[in-house]
Amino acid sequence: MVEKMEKIIVTIGLFILVLAVIPVYAQSTLALQEKCAEGAKKMIEGSKEVVEYTSHYHKDLERCFMRVGFTFAPIEKDLKWATGNIKTIKHPHWMVSLVNVFENKTIGECSYIGEEMQMCYVGNIKCKTIDEFENLIRPYME
């Protein structure tokens, strides 16, 4: 009977300990998420090329990631017609990046001029499309 009572007391004690730790963990995660958001905002401050960004603290990896979209000045190309006329075409230049905020390290980028991909990778993986890039960075941002 005494042994059974000791087991019950130990079980209740462990249960109370777990309940006490959960709020502390949740608070520390929330603080890290806020620190992540602040770091991401600070990183892009003053950049005229940034059009949108999203930050995310990944608790399993213990890292802060940011997906950031840029637009740059259009690239101009001259087209010479058979008639000799020259027409200047402006192509939009844009890029999406995945960045480790606290380490200030780019993990992946996908850059386009017009509809032509210039480069696209995540880590050591070369992407063929922007959709493939987005699928590869999704685990960092969830």
C-alpha atoms as a PDB file:
ATOM      1  CA  MET A   1       0.000   0.000   0.000  1.00  0.00           C
ATOM      2  CA  VAL A   2       2.849   2.401   0.857  1.00  0.00           C
ATOM      3  CA  GLU A   3       4.618   1.608  -2.422  1.00  0.00           C
ATOM      4  CA  LYS A   4       1.464   2.317  -4.400  1.00  0.00           C
ATOM      5  CA  MET A   5       1.026   5.629  -2.599  1.00  0.00           C
ATOM      6  CA  GLU A   6       4.669   6.597  -3.336  1.00  0.00           C
ATOM      7  CA  LYS A   7       4.161   5.846  -7.036  1.00  0.00           C
ATOM      8  CA  ILE A   8       1.042   8.014  -7.096  1.00  0.00           C
ATOM      9  CA  ILE A   9       2.871  10.883  -5.379  1.00  0.00           C
ATOM     10  CA  VAL A  10       5.822  10.625  -7.816  1.00  0.00           C
ATOM     11  CA  THR A  11       3.440  10.547 -10.800  1.00  0.00           C
ATOM     12  CA  ILE A  12       1.544  13.599  -9.549  1.00  0.00           C
ATOM     13  CA  GLY A  13       4.839  15.403  -8.892  1.00  0.00           C
ATOM     14  CA  LEU A  14       6.067  14.711 -12.434  1.00  0.00           C
ATOM     15  CA  PHE A  15       2.737  15.858 -13.862  1.00  0.00           C
ATOM     16  CA  ILE A  16       2.941  19.137 -11.924  1.00  0.00           C
ATOM     17  CA  LEU A  17       6.542  19.629 -13.052  1.00  0.00           C
ATOM     18  CA  VAL A  18       5.567  19.177 -16.712  1.00  0.00           C
ATOM     19  CA  LEU A  19       2.698  21.649 -16.303  1.00  0.00           C
ATOM     20  CA  ALA A  20       5.089  24.169 -14.761  1.00  0.00           C
ATOM     21  CA  VAL A  21       7.634  23.849 -17.604  1.00  0.00           C
ATOM     22  CA  ILE A  22       5.176  24.221 -20.522  1.00  0.00           C
ATOM     23  CA  PRO A  23       4.360  27.928 -19.928  1.00  0.00           C
ATOM     24  CA  VAL A  24       8.065  28.784 -19.544  1.00  0.00           C
ATOM     25  CA  TYR A  25       8.851  27.018 -22.846  1.00  0.00           C
ATOM     26  CA  ALA A  26       5.943  28.765 -24.592  1.00  0.00           C
ATOM     27  CA  GLN A  27       7.102  32.146 -23.271  1.00  0.00           C
ATOM     28  CA  SER A  28      10.682  31.557 -24.406  1.00  0.00           C
ATOM     29  CA  THR A  29       9.469  30.514 -27.879  1.00  0.00           C
ATOM     30  CA  LEU A  30       7.298  33.620 -28.087  1.00  0.00           C
ATOM     31  CA  ALA A  31      10.265  35.790 -27.083  1.00  0.00           C
ATOM     32  CA  LEU A  32      12.398  34.137 -29.778  1.00  0.00           C
ATOM     33  CA  GLN A  33       9.663  34.688 -32.374  1.00  0.00           C
ATOM     34  CA  GLU A  34       9.559  38.375 -31.435  1.00  0.00           C
ATOM     35  CA  LYS A  35      13.356  38.612 -31.561  1.00  0.00           C
ATOM     36  CA  CYS A  36      13.248  36.943 -34.983  1.00  0.00           C
ATOM     37  CA  ALA A  37      10.666  39.418 -36.299  1.00  0.00           C
ATOM     38  CA  GLU A  38      12.682  42.363 -34.968  1.00  0.00           C
ATOM     39  CA  GLY A  39      15.912  41.011 -36.485  1.00  0.00           C
ATOM     40  CA  ALA A  40      14.281  40.498 -39.875  1.00  0.00           C
ATOM     41  CA  LYS A  41      12.797  43.992 -39.845  1.00  0.00           C
ATOM     42  CA  LYS A  42      16.140  45.500 -38.879  1.00  0.00           C
ATOM     43  CA  MET A  43      17.892  43.533 -41.628  1.00  0.00           C
ATOM     44  CA  ILE A  44      15.762  45.013 -44.408  1.00  0.00           C
ATOM     45  CA  GLU A  45      15.438  48.527 -42.956  1.00  0.00           C
ATOM     46  CA  GLY A  46      16.358  51.162 -45.492  1.00  0.00           C
ATOM     47  CA  SER A  47      16.344  48.794 -48.466  1.00  0.00           C
ATOM     48  CA  LYS A  48      14.359  50.300 -51.315  1.00  0.00           C
ATOM     49  CA  GLU A  49      14.387  47.039 -53.248  1.00  0.00           C
ATOM     50  CA  VAL A  50      12.456  44.981 -50.672  1.00  0.00           C
ATOM     51  CA  VAL A  51       8.800  44.620 -51.644  1.00  0.00           C
ATOM     52  CA  GLU A  52       7.732  42.026 -49.082  1.00  0.00           C
ATOM     53  CA  TYR A  53       9.133  39.778 -46.400  1.00  0.00           C
ATOM     54  CA  THR A  54       8.050  37.146 -43.908  1.00  0.00           C
ATOM     55  CA  SER A  55      10.040  36.000 -40.894  1.00  0.00           C
ATOM     56  CA  HIS A  56       9.670  32.774 -38.949  1.00  0.00           C
ATOM     57  CA  TYR A  57      11.418  31.368 -35.889  1.00  0.00           C
ATOM     58  CA  HIS A  58      11.836  27.625 -36.467  1.00  0.00           C
ATOM     59  CA  LYS A  59      11.875  26.168 -32.952  1.00  0.00           C
ATOM     60  CA  ASP A  60      13.124  22.697 -34.001  1.00  0.00           C
ATOM     61  CA  LEU A  61      16.115  24.149 -35.869  1.00  0.00           C
ATOM     62  CA  GLU A  62      16.472  27.011 -33.363  1.00  0.00           C
ATOM     63  CA  ARG A  63      16.955  29.438 -36.243  1.00  0.00           C
ATOM     64  CA  CYS A  64      15.276  32.578 -37.535  1.00  0.00           C
ATOM     65  CA  PHE A  65      14.501  32.554 -41.249  1.00  0.00           C
ATOM     66  CA  MET A  66      13.207  35.243 -43.562  1.00  0.00           C
ATOM     67  CA  ARG A  67      11.723  34.935 -47.043  1.00  0.00           C
ATOM     68  CA  VAL A  68      12.243  38.258 -48.755  1.00  0.00           C
ATOM     69  CA  GLY A  69      11.176  39.498 -52.185  1.00  0.00           C
ATOM     70  CA  PHE A  70      13.085  42.186 -54.063  1.00  0.00           C
ATOM     71  CA  THR A  71      12.501  44.203 -57.207  1.00  0.00           C
ATOM     72  CA  PHE A  72      15.361  46.021 -58.848  1.00  0.00           C
ATOM     73  CA  ALA A  73      15.581  48.631 -61.585  1.00  0.00           C
ATOM     74  CA  PRO A  74      14.421  47.145 -64.892  1.00  0.00           C
ATOM     75  CA  ILE A  75      17.086  45.816 -67.227  1.00  0.00           C
ATOM     76  CA  GLU A  76      16.990  47.585 -70.569  1.00  0.00           C
ATOM     77  CA  LYS A  77      17.754  45.782 -73.817  1.00  0.00           C
ATOM     78  CA  ASP A  78      17.808  47.306 -77.269  1.00  0.00           C
ATOM     79  CA  LEU A  79      16.110  45.391 -80.050  1.00  0.00           C
ATOM     80  CA  LYS A  80      17.183  46.250 -83.565  1.00  0.00           C
ATOM     81  CA  TRP A  81      14.495  45.714 -86.177  1.00  0.00           C
ATOM     82  CA  ALA A  82      15.236  44.732 -89.776  1.00  0.00           C
ATOM     83  CA  THR A  83      14.268  48.283 -90.748  1.00  0.00           C
ATOM     84  CA  GLY A  84      17.136  49.614 -88.658  1.00  0.00           C
ATOM     85  CA  ASN A  85      14.887  51.007 -85.966  1.00  0.00           C
ATOM     86  CA  ILE A  86      15.918  50.344 -82.396  1.00  0.00           C
ATOM     87  CA  LYS A  87      13.388  49.769 -79.650  1.00  0.00           C
ATOM     88  CA  THR A  88      14.413  49.655 -75.997  1.00  0.00           C
ATOM     89  CA  ILE A  89      12.622  47.006 -73.994  1.00  0.00           C
ATOM     90  CA  LYS A  90      12.568  47.100 -70.184  1.00  0.00           C
ATOM     91  CA  HIS A  91      12.532  43.763 -68.398  1.00  0.00           C
ATOM     92  CA  PRO A  92      11.587  43.551 -64.712  1.00  0.00           C
ATOM     93  CA  HIS A  93      14.363  42.283 -62.474  1.00  0.00           C
ATOM     94  CA  TRP A  94      13.224  40.524 -59.303  1.00  0.00           C
ATOM     95  CA  MET A  95      14.488  38.040 -56.769  1.00  0.00           C
ATOM     96  CA  VAL A  96      13.280  35.970 -53.820  1.00  0.00           C
ATOM     97  CA  SER A  97      15.710  34.936 -51.077  1.00  0.00           C
ATOM     98  CA  LEU A  98      15.714  32.725 -47.999  1.00  0.00           C
ATOM     99  CA  VAL A  99      17.971  34.127 -45.286  1.00  0.00           C
ATOM    100  CA  ASN A 100      19.105  32.907 -41.876  1.00  0.00           C
ATOM    101  CA  VAL A 101      18.540  36.209 -40.063  1.00  0.00           C
ATOM    102  CA  PHE A 102      20.744  35.837 -36.979  1.00  0.00           C
ATOM    103  CA  GLU A 103      23.673  34.448 -38.967  1.00  0.00           C
ATOM    104  CA  ASN A 104      23.097  36.922 -41.839  1.00  0.00           C
ATOM    105  CA  LYS A 105      23.502  34.033 -44.268  1.00  0.00           C
ATOM    106  CA  THR A 106      21.669  33.486 -47.553  1.00  0.00           C
ATOM    107  CA  ILE A 107      20.403  29.913 -47.859  1.00  0.00           C
ATOM    108  CA  GLY A 108      18.766  30.239 -51.262  1.00  0.00           C
ATOM    109  CA  GLU A 109      17.913  32.684 -54.015  1.00  0.00           C
ATOM    110  CA  CYS A 110      15.841  32.711 -57.148  1.00  0.00           C
ATOM    111  CA  SER A 111      16.449  35.605 -59.536  1.00  0.00           C
ATOM    112  CA  TYR A 112      14.690  36.544 -62.770  1.00  0.00           C
ATOM    113  CA  ILE A 113      15.096  39.153 -65.474  1.00  0.00           C
ATOM    114  CA  GLY A 114      11.783  39.259 -67.266  1.00  0.00           C
ATOM    115  CA  GLU A 115      10.714  35.644 -67.572  1.00  0.00           C
ATOM    116  CA  GLU A 116      14.281  34.367 -67.808  1.00  0.00           C
ATOM    117  CA  MET A 117      15.690  32.735 -64.680  1.00  0.00           C
ATOM    118  CA  GLN A 118      19.187  33.969 -63.843  1.00  0.00           C
ATOM    119  CA  MET A 119      19.896  31.670 -60.915  1.00  0.00           C
ATOM    120  CA  CYS A 120      17.845  29.601 -58.524  1.00  0.00           C
ATOM    121  CA  TYR A 121      19.064  27.428 -55.658  1.00  0.00           C
ATOM    122  CA  VAL A 122      18.415  26.353 -52.093  1.00  0.00           C
ATOM    123  CA  GLY A 123      21.584  25.165 -50.383  1.00  0.00           C
ATOM    124  CA  ASN A 124      23.306  22.847 -52.868  1.00  0.00           C
ATOM    125  CA  ILE A 125      20.127  22.141 -54.832  1.00  0.00           C
ATOM    126  CA  LYS A 126      19.682  23.966 -58.121  1.00  0.00           C
ATOM    127  CA  CYS A 127      16.020  24.771 -58.841  1.00  0.00           C
ATOM    128  CA  LYS A 128      14.432  24.708 -62.276  1.00  0.00           C
ATOM    129  CA  THR A 129      11.409  26.879 -61.396  1.00  0.00           C
ATOM    130  CA  ILE A 130      10.248  29.406 -58.819  1.00  0.00           C
ATOM    131  CA  ASP A 131       7.661  26.841 -57.664  1.00  0.00           C
ATOM    132  CA  GLU A 132      10.427  24.334 -56.939  1.00  0.00           C
ATOM    133  CA  PHE A 133      12.276  27.041 -54.979  1.00  0.00           C
ATOM    134  CA  GLU A 134       9.145  27.827 -52.934  1.00  0.00           C
ATOM    135  CA  ASN A 135       8.612  24.120 -52.182  1.00  0.00           C
ATOM    136  CA  LEU A 136      12.219  23.725 -51.033  1.00  0.00           C
ATOM    137  CA  ILE A 137      12.076  26.709 -48.652  1.00  0.00           C
ATOM    138  CA  ARG A 138       8.653  25.809 -47.214  1.00  0.00           C
ATOM    139  CA  PRO A 139      10.096  23.562 -44.436  1.00  0.00           C
ATOM    140  CA  TYR A 140      12.205  26.484 -43.180  1.00  0.00           C
ATOM    141  CA  MET A 141       9.175  28.745 -42.958  1.00  0.00           C
ATOM    142  CA  GLU A 142       6.732  26.332 -41.257  1.00  0.00           C
END
